[in-house]
Amino acid sequence: MFNERIKKLRKSLGINQVEFGRRLHVTKQCISNWENGNIQPSIDMLIKIAETFSVNTDYLLGLSNKCTLDAEGLTNEQILHIRSIIDDLKRLQ
């Protein structure tokens, strides 16, 4: 589950494994190993990955399917705008 989720999140940001590795200060090979399920990151690295994608670790680990967004630092008006966009997207499904 973890490997699938990080690959999906990485692609949703439009970044390749090299760029993702740069952001986390690890090699492309390390990212590839995570995405292929060959190895698992350390707990510290898991936290960094969650912070990079603005998701919680439960989501990354498959313990929750709820994906949340970090709206810290946004104004109430900006948050309402984002909620409106999310509502519109849900109606399209």
PDB file of N, CA and C in Angstrom:
ATOM      1  N   MET A   1       0.817  -1.191   0.000  1.00  0.00           N
ATOM      2  CA  MET A   1       0.000   0.000   0.000  1.00  0.00           C
ATOM      3  C   MET A   1       0.864   1.259   0.000  1.00  0.00           C
ATOM      4  N   PHE A   2       1.880   1.309   0.865  1.00  0.00           N
ATOM      5  CA  PHE A   2       2.755   2.478   0.945  1.00  0.00           C
ATOM      6  C   PHE A   2       3.376   2.782  -0.409  1.00  0.00           C
ATOM      7  N   ASN A   3       3.918   1.743  -1.048  1.00  0.00           N
ATOM      8  CA  ASN A   3       4.602   1.960  -2.321  1.00  0.00           C
ATOM      9  C   ASN A   3       3.668   2.543  -3.377  1.00  0.00           C
ATOM     10  N   GLU A   4       2.441   2.075  -3.421  1.00  0.00           N
ATOM     11  CA  GLU A   4       1.475   2.577  -4.396  1.00  0.00           C
ATOM     12  C   GLU A   4       1.096   4.030  -4.103  1.00  0.00           C
ATOM     13  N   ARG A   5       0.940   4.327  -2.839  1.00  0.00           N
ATOM     14  CA  ARG A   5       0.509   5.679  -2.466  1.00  0.00           C
ATOM     15  C   ARG A   5       1.589   6.717  -2.738  1.00  0.00           C
ATOM     16  N   ILE A   6       2.850   6.412  -2.418  1.00  0.00           N
ATOM     17  CA  ILE A   6       3.872   7.435  -2.666  1.00  0.00           C
ATOM     18  C   ILE A   6       4.079   7.641  -4.166  1.00  0.00           C
ATOM     19  N   LYS A   7       3.975   6.572  -4.931  1.00  0.00           N
ATOM     20  CA  LYS A   7       4.126   6.713  -6.383  1.00  0.00           C
ATOM     21  C   LYS A   7       2.997   7.580  -6.953  1.00  0.00           C
ATOM     22  N   LYS A   8       1.780   7.319  -6.499  1.00  0.00           N
ATOM     23  CA  LYS A   8       0.622   8.093  -6.969  1.00  0.00           C
ATOM     24  C   LYS A   8       0.761   9.562  -6.559  1.00  0.00           C
ATOM     25  N   LEU A   9       1.144   9.810  -5.318  1.00  0.00           N
ATOM     26  CA  LEU A   9       1.308  11.183  -4.841  1.00  0.00           C
ATOM     27  C   LEU A   9       2.439  11.898  -5.575  1.00  0.00           C
ATOM     28  N   ARG A  10       3.531  11.189  -5.803  1.00  0.00           N
ATOM     29  CA  ARG A  10       4.668  11.791  -6.522  1.00  0.00           C
ATOM     30  C   ARG A  10       4.235  12.208  -7.916  1.00  0.00           C
ATOM     31  N   LYS A  11       3.535  11.312  -8.593  1.00  0.00           N
ATOM     32  CA  LYS A  11       3.089  11.612  -9.955  1.00  0.00           C
ATOM     33  C   LYS A  11       2.062  12.747  -9.969  1.00  0.00           C
ATOM     34  N   SER A  12       1.240  12.820  -8.924  1.00  0.00           N
ATOM     35  CA  SER A  12       0.244  13.893  -8.873  1.00  0.00           C
ATOM     36  C   SER A  12       0.904  15.266  -8.757  1.00  0.00           C
ATOM     37  N   LEU A  13       2.117  15.303  -8.202  1.00  0.00           N
ATOM     38  CA  LEU A  13       2.874  16.554  -8.128  1.00  0.00           C
ATOM     39  C   LEU A  13       3.640  16.825  -9.420  1.00  0.00           C
ATOM     40  N   GLY A  14       3.654  15.828 -10.300  1.00  0.00           N
ATOM     41  CA  GLY A  14       4.356  15.989 -11.570  1.00  0.00           C
ATOM     42  C   GLY A  14       5.863  15.980 -11.432  1.00  0.00           C
ATOM     43  N   ILE A  15       6.357  15.243 -10.438  1.00  0.00           N
ATOM     44  CA  ILE A  15       7.811  15.169 -10.261  1.00  0.00           C
ATOM     45  C   ILE A  15       8.291  13.743 -10.493  1.00  0.00           C
ATOM     46  N   ASN A  16       9.523  13.619 -10.956  1.00  0.00           N
ATOM     47  CA  ASN A  16      10.094  12.291 -11.170  1.00  0.00           C
ATOM     48  C   ASN A  16      10.806  11.823  -9.896  1.00  0.00           C
ATOM     49  N   GLN A  17      11.316  10.615  -9.953  1.00  0.00           N
ATOM     50  CA  GLN A  17      11.975  10.039  -8.773  1.00  0.00           C
ATOM     51  C   GLN A  17      13.215  10.825  -8.374  1.00  0.00           C
ATOM     52  N   VAL A  18      13.924  11.361  -9.344  1.00  0.00           N
ATOM     53  CA  VAL A  18      15.132  12.142  -9.051  1.00  0.00           C
ATOM     54  C   VAL A  18      14.769  13.390  -8.252  1.00  0.00           C
ATOM     55  N   GLU A  19      13.757  14.114  -8.717  1.00  0.00           N
ATOM     56  CA  GLU A  19      13.341  15.338  -8.026  1.00  0.00           C
ATOM     57  C   GLU A  19      12.804  15.028  -6.633  1.00  0.00           C
ATOM     58  N   PHE A  20      12.013  13.967  -6.522  1.00  0.00           N
ATOM     59  CA  PHE A  20      11.484  13.570  -5.217  1.00  0.00           C
ATOM     60  C   PHE A  20      12.632  13.234  -4.271  1.00  0.00           C
ATOM     61  N   GLY A  21      13.625  12.521  -4.787  1.00  0.00           N
ATOM     62  CA  GLY A  21      14.803  12.189  -3.991  1.00  0.00           C
ATOM     63  C   GLY A  21      15.550  13.427  -3.526  1.00  0.00           C
ATOM     64  N   ARG A  22      15.671  14.419  -4.402  1.00  0.00           N
ATOM     65  CA  ARG A  22      16.341  15.670  -4.017  1.00  0.00           C
ATOM     66  C   ARG A  22      15.615  16.351  -2.863  1.00  0.00           C
ATOM     67  N   ARG A  23      14.295  16.352  -2.941  1.00  0.00           N
ATOM     68  CA  ARG A  23      13.517  17.000  -1.880  1.00  0.00           C
ATOM     69  C   ARG A  23      13.713  16.318  -0.530  1.00  0.00           C
ATOM     70  N   LEU A  24      13.950  15.000  -0.570  1.00  0.00           N
ATOM     71  CA  LEU A  24      14.115  14.244   0.677  1.00  0.00           C
ATOM     72  C   LEU A  24      15.575  13.974   1.018  1.00  0.00           C
ATOM     73  N   HIS A  25      16.481  14.389   0.136  1.00  0.00           N
ATOM     74  CA  HIS A  25      17.917  14.155   0.314  1.00  0.00           C
ATOM     75  C   HIS A  25      18.258  12.672   0.316  1.00  0.00           C
ATOM     76  N   VAL A  26      17.636  11.950  -0.630  1.00  0.00           N
ATOM     77  CA  VAL A  26      17.952  10.531  -0.844  1.00  0.00           C
ATOM     78  C   VAL A  26      18.146  10.319  -2.348  1.00  0.00           C
ATOM     79  N   THR A  27      18.646   9.152  -2.718  1.00  0.00           N
ATOM     80  CA  THR A  27      18.909   8.862  -4.127  1.00  0.00           C
ATOM     81  C   THR A  27      17.642   8.422  -4.864  1.00  0.00           C
ATOM     82  N   LYS A  28      17.717   8.492  -6.180  1.00  0.00           N
ATOM     83  CA  LYS A  28      16.642   7.983  -7.035  1.00  0.00           C
ATOM     84  C   LYS A  28      16.437   6.493  -6.764  1.00  0.00           C
ATOM     85  N   GLN A  29      17.522   5.780  -6.545  1.00  0.00           N
ATOM     86  CA  GLN A  29      17.441   4.339  -6.277  1.00  0.00           C
ATOM     87  C   GLN A  29      16.637   4.064  -5.006  1.00  0.00           C
ATOM     88  N   CYS A  30      16.812   4.898  -4.009  1.00  0.00           N
ATOM     89  CA  CYS A  30      16.049   4.755  -2.765  1.00  0.00           C
ATOM     90  C   CYS A  30      14.562   4.928  -3.040  1.00  0.00           C
ATOM     91  N   ILE A  31      14.206   5.963  -3.807  1.00  0.00           N
ATOM     92  CA  ILE A  31      12.806   6.201  -4.160  1.00  0.00           C
ATOM     93  C   ILE A  31      12.262   5.013  -4.942  1.00  0.00           C
ATOM     94  N   SER A  32      13.037   4.534  -5.896  1.00  0.00           N
ATOM     95  CA  SER A  32      12.635   3.383  -6.707  1.00  0.00           C
ATOM     96  C   SER A  32      12.387   2.157  -5.831  1.00  0.00           C
ATOM     97  N   ASN A  33      13.261   1.926  -4.869  1.00  0.00           N
ATOM     98  CA  ASN A  33      13.090   0.782  -3.966  1.00  0.00           C
ATOM     99  C   ASN A  33      11.826   0.910  -3.129  1.00  0.00           C
ATOM    100  N   TRP A  34      11.509   2.124  -2.664  1.00  0.00           N
ATOM    101  CA  TRP A  34      10.261   2.324  -1.921  1.00  0.00           C
ATOM    102  C   TRP A  34       9.068   2.045  -2.811  1.00  0.00           C
ATOM    103  N   GLU A  35       9.099   2.603  -4.023  1.00  0.00           N
ATOM    104  CA  GLU A  35       7.952   2.466  -4.923  1.00  0.00           C
ATOM    105  C   GLU A  35       7.760   1.043  -5.429  1.00  0.00           C
ATOM    106  N   ASN A  36       8.822   0.278  -5.469  1.00  0.00           N
ATOM    107  CA  ASN A  36       8.717  -1.120  -5.888  1.00  0.00           C
ATOM    108  C   ASN A  36       8.464  -2.059  -4.718  1.00  0.00           C
ATOM    109  N   GLY A  37       8.410  -1.515  -3.510  1.00  0.00           N
ATOM    110  CA  GLY A  37       8.139  -2.323  -2.325  1.00  0.00           C
ATOM    111  C   GLY A  37       9.314  -3.163  -1.871  1.00  0.00           C
ATOM    112  N   ASN A  38      10.522  -2.817  -2.318  1.00  0.00           N
ATOM    113  CA  ASN A  38      11.712  -3.578  -1.928  1.00  0.00           C
ATOM    114  C   ASN A  38      12.171  -3.257  -0.515  1.00  0.00           C
ATOM    115  N   ILE A  39      12.035  -1.999  -0.113  1.00  0.00           N
ATOM    116  CA  ILE A  39      12.419  -1.570   1.226  1.00  0.00           C
ATOM    117  C   ILE A  39      11.387  -0.576   1.739  1.00  0.00           C
ATOM    118  N   GLN A  40      11.416  -0.334   3.026  1.00  0.00           N
ATOM    119  CA  GLN A  40      10.535   0.650   3.660  1.00  0.00           C
ATOM    120  C   GLN A  40      11.394   1.761   4.255  1.00  0.00           C
ATOM    121  N   PRO A  41      10.887   2.983   4.273  1.00  0.00           N
ATOM    122  CA  PRO A  41      11.662   4.083   4.863  1.00  0.00           C
ATOM    123  C   PRO A  41      11.683   3.994   6.390  1.00  0.00           C
ATOM    124  N   SER A  42      12.632   4.686   6.971  1.00  0.00           N
ATOM    125  CA  SER A  42      12.669   4.794   8.425  1.00  0.00           C
ATOM    126  C   SER A  42      11.466   5.614   8.891  1.00  0.00           C
ATOM    127  N   ILE A  43      11.203   5.594  10.174  1.00  0.00           N
ATOM    128  CA  ILE A  43      10.097   6.380  10.721  1.00  0.00           C
ATOM    129  C   ILE A  43      10.328   7.868  10.479  1.00  0.00           C
ATOM    130  N   ASP A  44      11.550   8.327  10.678  1.00  0.00           N
ATOM    131  CA  ASP A  44      11.864   9.736  10.430  1.00  0.00           C
ATOM    132  C   ASP A  44      11.604  10.108   8.972  1.00  0.00           C
ATOM    133  N   MET A  45      11.993   9.225   8.060  1.00  0.00           N
ATOM    134  CA  MET A  45      11.788   9.493   6.644  1.00  0.00           C
ATOM    135  C   MET A  45      10.303   9.430   6.289  1.00  0.00           C
ATOM    136  N   LEU A  46       9.565   8.524   6.911  1.00  0.00           N
ATOM    137  CA  LEU A  46       8.123   8.439   6.685  1.00  0.00           C
ATOM    138  C   LEU A  46       7.458   9.772   7.031  1.00  0.00           C
ATOM    139  N   ILE A  47       7.885  10.364   8.120  1.00  0.00           N
ATOM    140  CA  ILE A  47       7.346  11.671   8.528  1.00  0.00           C
ATOM    141  C   ILE A  47       7.695  12.736   7.493  1.00  0.00           C
ATOM    142  N   LYS A  48       8.938  12.724   6.983  1.00  0.00           N
ATOM    143  CA  LYS A  48       9.337  13.697   5.962  1.00  0.00           C
ATOM    144  C   LYS A  48       8.518  13.524   4.683  1.00  0.00           C
ATOM    145  N   ILE A  49       8.244  12.276   4.317  1.00  0.00           N
ATOM    146  CA  ILE A  49       7.445  12.004   3.117  1.00  0.00           C
ATOM    147  C   ILE A  49       6.031  12.540   3.310  1.00  0.00           C
ATOM    148  N   ALA A  50       5.454  12.278   4.473  1.00  0.00           N
ATOM    149  CA  ALA A  50       4.106  12.780   4.770  1.00  0.00           C
ATOM    150  C   ALA A  50       4.073  14.301   4.710  1.00  0.00           C
ATOM    151  N   GLU A  51       5.089  14.939   5.250  1.00  0.00           N
ATOM    152  CA  GLU A  51       5.156  16.405   5.215  1.00  0.00           C
ATOM    153  C   GLU A  51       5.308  16.909   3.782  1.00  0.00           C
ATOM    154  N   THR A  52       6.090  16.226   2.977  1.00  0.00           N
ATOM    155  CA  THR A  52       6.297  16.621   1.587  1.00  0.00           C
ATOM    156  C   THR A  52       4.984  16.623   0.816  1.00  0.00           C
ATOM    157  N   PHE A  53       4.155  15.605   1.061  1.00  0.00           N
ATOM    158  CA  PHE A  53       2.888  15.475   0.350  1.00  0.00           C
ATOM    159  C   PHE A  53       1.715  16.108   1.091  1.00  0.00           C
ATOM    160  N   SER A  54       1.977  16.646   2.268  1.00  0.00           N
ATOM    161  CA  SER A  54       0.914  17.227   3.110  1.00  0.00           C
ATOM    162  C   SER A  54      -0.210  16.228   3.379  1.00  0.00           C
ATOM    163  N   VAL A  55       0.180  15.001   3.714  1.00  0.00           N
ATOM    164  CA  VAL A  55      -0.777  13.967   4.106  1.00  0.00           C
ATOM    165  C   VAL A  55      -0.327  13.405   5.448  1.00  0.00           C
ATOM    166  N   ASN A  56      -1.182  12.606   6.074  1.00  0.00           N
ATOM    167  CA  ASN A  56      -0.756  12.005   7.339  1.00  0.00           C
ATOM    168  C   ASN A  56      -0.147  10.625   7.092  1.00  0.00           C
ATOM    169  N   THR A  57       0.581  10.149   8.062  1.00  0.00           N
ATOM    170  CA  THR A  57       1.273   8.864   7.909  1.00  0.00           C
ATOM    171  C   THR A  57       0.288   7.702   7.820  1.00  0.00           C
ATOM    172  N   ASP A  58      -0.862   7.808   8.470  1.00  0.00           N
ATOM    173  CA  ASP A  58      -1.867   6.751   8.360  1.00  0.00           C
ATOM    174  C   ASP A  58      -2.297   6.568   6.915  1.00  0.00           C
ATOM    175  N   TYR A  59      -2.444   7.656   6.195  1.00  0.00           N
ATOM    176  CA  TYR A  59      -2.811   7.564   4.775  1.00  0.00           C
ATOM    177  C   TYR A  59      -1.701   6.864   3.992  1.00  0.00           C
ATOM    178  N   LEU A  60      -0.452   7.263   4.208  1.00  0.00           N
ATOM    179  CA  LEU A  60       0.663   6.645   3.490  1.00  0.00           C
ATOM    180  C   LEU A  60       0.764   5.152   3.760  1.00  0.00           C
ATOM    181  N   LEU A  61       0.478   4.758   4.993  1.00  0.00           N
ATOM    182  CA  LEU A  61       0.612   3.354   5.384  1.00  0.00           C
ATOM    183  C   LEU A  61      -0.618   2.511   5.054  1.00  0.00           C
ATOM    184  N   GLY A  62      -1.657   3.151   4.552  1.00  0.00           N
ATOM    185  CA  GLY A  62      -2.865   2.413   4.207  1.00  0.00           C
ATOM    186  C   GLY A  62      -3.781   2.145   5.382  1.00  0.00           C
ATOM    187  N   LEU A  63      -3.537   2.814   6.495  1.00  0.00           N
ATOM    188  CA  LEU A  63      -4.383   2.638   7.676  1.00  0.00           C
ATOM    189  C   LEU A  63      -5.642   3.487   7.592  1.00  0.00           C
ATOM    190  N   SER A  64      -5.634   4.436   6.667  1.00  0.00           N
ATOM    191  CA  SER A  64      -6.771   5.322   6.455  1.00  0.00           C
ATOM    192  C   SER A  64      -6.837   5.667   4.979  1.00  0.00           C
ATOM    193  N   ASN A  65      -8.036   5.767   4.457  1.00  0.00           N
ATOM    194  CA  ASN A  65      -8.198   6.199   3.072  1.00  0.00           C
ATOM    195  C   ASN A  65      -8.514   7.683   2.983  1.00  0.00           C
ATOM    196  N   LYS A  66      -8.604   8.316   4.144  1.00  0.00           N
ATOM    197  CA  LYS A  66      -8.920   9.735   4.189  1.00  0.00           C
ATOM    198  C   LYS A  66      -7.647  10.536   3.943  1.00  0.00           C
ATOM    199  N   CYS A  67      -7.673  11.279   2.874  1.00  0.00           N
ATOM    200  CA  CYS A  67      -6.538  12.128   2.518  1.00  0.00           C
ATOM    201  C   CYS A  67      -6.912  13.562   2.869  1.00  0.00           C
ATOM    202  N   THR A  68      -6.163  14.186   3.752  1.00  0.00           N
ATOM    203  CA  THR A  68      -6.473  15.543   4.187  1.00  0.00           C
ATOM    204  C   THR A  68      -5.500  16.528   3.577  1.00  0.00           C
ATOM    205  N   LEU A  69      -5.915  17.763   3.529  1.00  0.00           N
ATOM    206  CA  LEU A  69      -5.066  18.835   3.028  1.00  0.00           C
ATOM    207  C   LEU A  69      -4.671  19.749   4.174  1.00  0.00           C
ATOM    208  N   ASP A  70      -3.451  20.207   4.143  1.00  0.00           N
ATOM    209  CA  ASP A  70      -2.972  21.139   5.160  1.00  0.00           C
ATOM    210  C   ASP A  70      -3.276  22.562   4.705  1.00  0.00           C
ATOM    211  N   ALA A  71      -4.189  23.221   5.387  1.00  0.00           N
ATOM    212  CA  ALA A  71      -4.589  24.584   5.021  1.00  0.00           C
ATOM    213  C   ALA A  71      -3.986  25.623   5.963  1.00  0.00           C
ATOM    214  N   GLU A  72      -3.019  25.216   6.757  1.00  0.00           N
ATOM    215  CA  GLU A  72      -2.395  26.137   7.698  1.00  0.00           C
ATOM    216  C   GLU A  72      -1.780  27.320   6.951  1.00  0.00           C
ATOM    217  N   GLY A  73      -2.036  28.512   7.447  1.00  0.00           N
ATOM    218  CA  GLY A  73      -1.491  29.713   6.848  1.00  0.00           C
ATOM    219  C   GLY A  73      -2.386  30.347   5.797  1.00  0.00           C
ATOM    220  N   LEU A  74      -3.455  29.645   5.422  1.00  0.00           N
ATOM    221  CA  LEU A  74      -4.387  30.214   4.457  1.00  0.00           C
ATOM    222  C   LEU A  74      -5.448  31.030   5.178  1.00  0.00           C
ATOM    223  N   THR A  75      -5.974  32.007   4.491  1.00  0.00           N
ATOM    224  CA  THR A  75      -7.049  32.806   5.073  1.00  0.00           C
ATOM    225  C   THR A  75      -8.351  32.020   5.006  1.00  0.00           C
ATOM    226  N   ASN A  76      -9.345  32.445   5.779  1.00  0.00           N
ATOM    227  CA  ASN A  76     -10.660  31.798   5.732  1.00  0.00           C
ATOM    228  C   ASN A  76     -11.244  31.865   4.325  1.00  0.00           C
ATOM    229  N   GLU A  77     -11.036  32.983   3.664  1.00  0.00           N
ATOM    230  CA  GLU A  77     -11.540  33.145   2.299  1.00  0.00           C
ATOM    231  C   GLU A  77     -10.890  32.116   1.350  1.00  0.00           C
ATOM    232  N   GLN A  78      -9.591  31.898   1.495  1.00  0.00           N
ATOM    233  CA  GLN A  78      -8.892  30.922   0.654  1.00  0.00           C
ATOM    234  C   GLN A  78      -9.386  29.505   0.945  1.00  0.00           C
ATOM    235  N   ILE A  79      -9.597  29.199   2.224  1.00  0.00           N
ATOM    236  CA  ILE A  79     -10.099  27.872   2.600  1.00  0.00           C
ATOM    237  C   ILE A  79     -11.491  27.647   2.031  1.00  0.00           C
ATOM    238  N   LEU A  80     -12.352  28.640   2.101  1.00  0.00           N
ATOM    239  CA  LEU A  80     -13.693  28.515   1.528  1.00  0.00           C
ATOM    240  C   LEU A  80     -13.630  28.304   0.020  1.00  0.00           C
ATOM    241  N   HIS A  81     -12.703  28.971  -0.627  1.00  0.00           N
ATOM    242  CA  HIS A  81     -12.536  28.789  -2.073  1.00  0.00           C
ATOM    243  C   HIS A  81     -12.123  27.349  -2.395  1.00  0.00           C
ATOM    244  N   ILE A  82     -11.193  26.818  -1.635  1.00  0.00           N
ATOM    245  CA  ILE A  82     -10.753  25.437  -1.835  1.00  0.00           C
ATOM    246  C   ILE A  82     -11.903  24.471  -1.588  1.00  0.00           C
ATOM    247  N   ARG A  83     -12.675  24.693  -0.532  1.00  0.00           N
ATOM    248  CA  ARG A  83     -13.835  23.833  -0.258  1.00  0.00           C
ATOM    249  C   ARG A  83     -14.819  23.858  -1.420  1.00  0.00           C
ATOM    250  N   SER A  84     -15.016  25.025  -2.000  1.00  0.00           N
ATOM    251  CA  SER A  84     -15.914  25.161  -3.142  1.00  0.00           C
ATOM    252  C   SER A  84     -15.408  24.339  -4.332  1.00  0.00           C
ATOM    253  N   ILE A  85     -14.118  24.393  -4.582  1.00  0.00           N
ATOM    254  CA  ILE A  85     -13.527  23.605  -5.672  1.00  0.00           C
ATOM    255  C   ILE A  85     -13.698  22.116  -5.406  1.00  0.00           C
ATOM    256  N   ILE A  86     -13.455  21.687  -4.168  1.00  0.00           N
ATOM    257  CA  ILE A  86     -13.613  20.273  -3.811  1.00  0.00           C
ATOM    258  C   ILE A  86     -15.055  19.836  -4.007  1.00  0.00           C
ATOM    259  N   ASP A  87     -16.003  20.645  -3.571  1.00  0.00           N
ATOM    260  CA  ASP A  87     -17.419  20.318  -3.763  1.00  0.00           C
ATOM    261  C   ASP A  87     -17.754  20.172  -5.236  1.00  0.00           C
ATOM    262  N   ASP A  88     -17.244  21.079  -6.068  1.00  0.00           N
ATOM    263  CA  ASP A  88     -17.479  21.004  -7.515  1.00  0.00           C
ATOM    264  C   ASP A  88     -16.907  19.713  -8.101  1.00  0.00           C
ATOM    265  N   LEU A  89     -15.703  19.344  -7.674  1.00  0.00           N
ATOM    266  CA  LEU A  89     -15.085  18.120  -8.172  1.00  0.00           C
ATOM    267  C   LEU A  89     -15.866  16.876  -7.756  1.00  0.00           C
ATOM    268  N   LYS A  90     -16.388  16.862  -6.529  1.00  0.00           N
ATOM    269  CA  LYS A  90     -17.173  15.722  -6.062  1.00  0.00           C
ATOM    270  C   LYS A  90     -18.448  15.575  -6.877  1.00  0.00           C
ATOM    271  N   ARG A  91     -19.053  16.680  -7.285  1.00  0.00           N
ATOM    272  CA  ARG A  91     -20.272  16.633  -8.098  1.00  0.00           C
ATOM    273  C   ARG A  91     -20.020  16.062  -9.474  1.00  0.00           C
ATOM    274  N   LEU A  92     -18.803  16.190  -9.965  1.00  0.00           N
ATOM    275  CA  LEU A  92     -18.449  15.687 -11.284  1.00  0.00           C
ATOM    276  C   LEU A  92     -18.285  14.177 -11.317  1.00  0.00           C
ATOM    277  N   GLN A  93     -18.129  13.565 -10.164  1.00  0.00           N
ATOM    278  CA  GLN A  93     -17.890  12.119 -10.106  1.00  0.00           C
ATOM    279  C   GLN A  93     -19.116  11.329 -10.427  1.00  0.00           C
TER     280      GLN A  93
END
